[in-house]
Amino acid sequence: MFTDPLTWANWKRVADFAFTNRVPTVCEFRQLAESGCLVSYGPTFDEFDRRVASQVDRILKGNRPADVPYEQVTRFELVINLRTAKALSIKIPRSVLVRANEVIE
């Protein structure tokens, strides 16, 4: 599920709907996996903060904002919520679990 301001603000409703209808969800951020999403794969807020701080630093040092290049996030994390998997009767293969940055049990 793509996270935008609308889905982020209504995440609890989306999660409840998905859980009630037994629909597994894949989300962008760890916080969503912690609150019920089956799997999240995406950047951390710390990574966003570092990128933004770097760009702000360049601007404060005199670079024009238009001259500051766009920086794409390069580090991603995989978080798997086993509580949700168990509730949905989904078996996550061990080969996937060992690759996860975090497994919520």
Protein backbone atom coordinates (compact mmCIF):
# COMPACT_ATOMS: atom_id res chain seq x y z
CA MET A 1 0.00 0.00 0.00
CA PHE A 2 1.42 3.36 -1.01
CA THR A 3 1.54 5.78 1.89
CA ASP A 4 0.33 9.31 1.29
CA PRO A 5 -1.16 11.84 3.72
CA LEU A 6 -4.66 10.39 3.26
CA THR A 7 -3.74 6.75 3.90
CA TRP A 8 -1.34 7.71 6.71
CA ALA A 9 -4.08 9.70 8.49
CA ASN A 10 -6.55 6.84 8.04
CA TRP A 11 -4.17 3.94 8.53
CA LYS A 12 -6.14 2.45 11.44
CA ARG A 13 -9.30 2.30 9.31
CA VAL A 14 -7.40 0.76 6.39
CA ALA A 15 -5.73 -1.79 8.69
CA ASP A 16 -9.04 -2.74 10.34
CA PHE A 17 -10.70 -3.18 6.94
CA ALA A 18 -7.84 -5.30 5.62
CA PHE A 19 -7.74 -7.43 8.76
CA THR A 20 -11.52 -7.95 8.82
CA ASN A 21 -11.47 -9.02 5.17
CA ARG A 22 -8.31 -11.10 5.62
CA VAL A 23 -6.31 -9.07 3.12
CA PRO A 24 -2.55 -9.05 3.75
CA THR A 25 -1.00 -5.60 3.53
CA VAL A 26 2.47 -4.53 2.42
CA CYS A 27 3.41 -1.03 3.49
CA GLU A 28 6.27 1.43 3.25
CA PHE A 29 7.13 2.23 6.83
CA ARG A 30 8.09 0.27 9.94
CA GLN A 31 5.51 2.17 12.00
CA LEU A 32 2.74 0.65 9.91
CA ALA A 33 4.11 -2.88 10.39
CA GLU A 34 4.22 -2.21 14.12
CA SER A 35 0.53 -1.29 14.00
CA GLY A 36 -0.66 -4.31 12.02
CA CYS A 37 0.63 -4.27 8.45
CA LEU A 38 1.90 -7.73 7.48
CA VAL A 39 5.14 -6.55 5.85
CA SER A 40 6.80 -3.19 5.45
CA TYR A 41 9.65 -2.44 3.10
CA GLY A 42 10.95 1.07 2.77
CA PRO A 43 13.22 3.77 4.10
CA THR A 44 13.39 4.80 7.73
CA PHE A 45 12.46 8.25 8.94
CA ASP A 46 16.08 8.57 10.12
CA GLU A 47 17.21 8.15 6.52
CA PHE A 48 14.79 10.87 5.41
CA ASP A 49 16.06 13.15 8.17
CA ARG A 50 19.69 12.70 7.10
CA ARG A 51 18.87 13.46 3.46
CA VAL A 52 16.86 16.57 4.34
CA ALA A 53 19.53 17.80 6.77
CA SER A 54 22.16 17.45 4.05
CA GLN A 55 20.08 19.48 1.61
CA VAL A 56 19.27 22.19 4.18
CA ASP A 57 22.96 22.40 5.07
CA ARG A 58 23.86 23.05 1.43
CA ILE A 59 21.23 25.76 1.14
CA LEU A 60 22.34 27.45 4.37
CA LYS A 61 25.91 27.45 3.06
CA GLY A 62 24.79 29.51 0.07
CA ASN A 63 23.69 27.06 -2.62
CA ARG A 64 20.55 27.99 -4.48
CA PRO A 65 17.74 25.49 -3.78
CA ALA A 66 17.40 24.88 -7.52
CA ASP A 67 21.07 23.83 -7.63
CA VAL A 68 20.80 21.29 -4.81
CA PRO A 69 20.40 17.85 -6.40
CA TYR A 70 17.58 15.54 -5.46
CA GLU A 71 18.86 12.80 -3.16
CA GLN A 72 17.19 9.44 -3.33
CA VAL A 73 17.04 7.22 -0.28
CA THR A 74 19.43 4.29 -0.61
CA ARG A 75 18.86 2.26 2.57
CA PHE A 76 15.69 0.26 3.06
CA GLU A 77 14.49 -2.05 5.80
CA LEU A 78 12.23 -5.08 5.78
CA VAL A 79 9.94 -5.56 8.79
CA ILE A 80 7.64 -8.58 9.12
CA ASN A 81 4.76 -8.75 11.58
CA LEU A 82 4.35 -12.40 12.58
CA ARG A 83 1.34 -11.60 14.80
CA THR A 84 -0.52 -10.41 11.72
CA ALA A 85 0.73 -13.37 9.67
CA LYS A 86 -0.53 -15.79 12.32
CA ALA A 87 -3.91 -14.04 12.54
CA LEU A 88 -4.28 -14.29 8.75
CA SER A 89 -3.00 -17.91 8.70
CA ILE A 90 -0.06 -16.94 6.50
CA LYS A 91 3.20 -18.87 6.78
CA ILE A 92 6.26 -16.70 6.16
CA PRO A 93 9.16 -18.82 4.84
CA ARG A 94 12.24 -18.95 7.04
CA SER A 95 14.34 -17.74 4.09
CA VAL A 96 12.36 -14.49 4.16
CA LEU A 97 12.43 -14.15 7.94
CA VAL A 98 16.23 -14.33 8.09
CA ARG A 99 16.48 -11.48 5.57
CA ALA A 100 14.23 -9.19 7.59
CA ASN A 101 15.73 -6.31 9.52
CA GLU A 102 13.13 -6.92 12.21
CA VAL A 103 10.52 -9.56 12.92
CA ILE A 104 7.64 -8.53 15.18
CA GLU A 105 6.47 -11.51 17.22
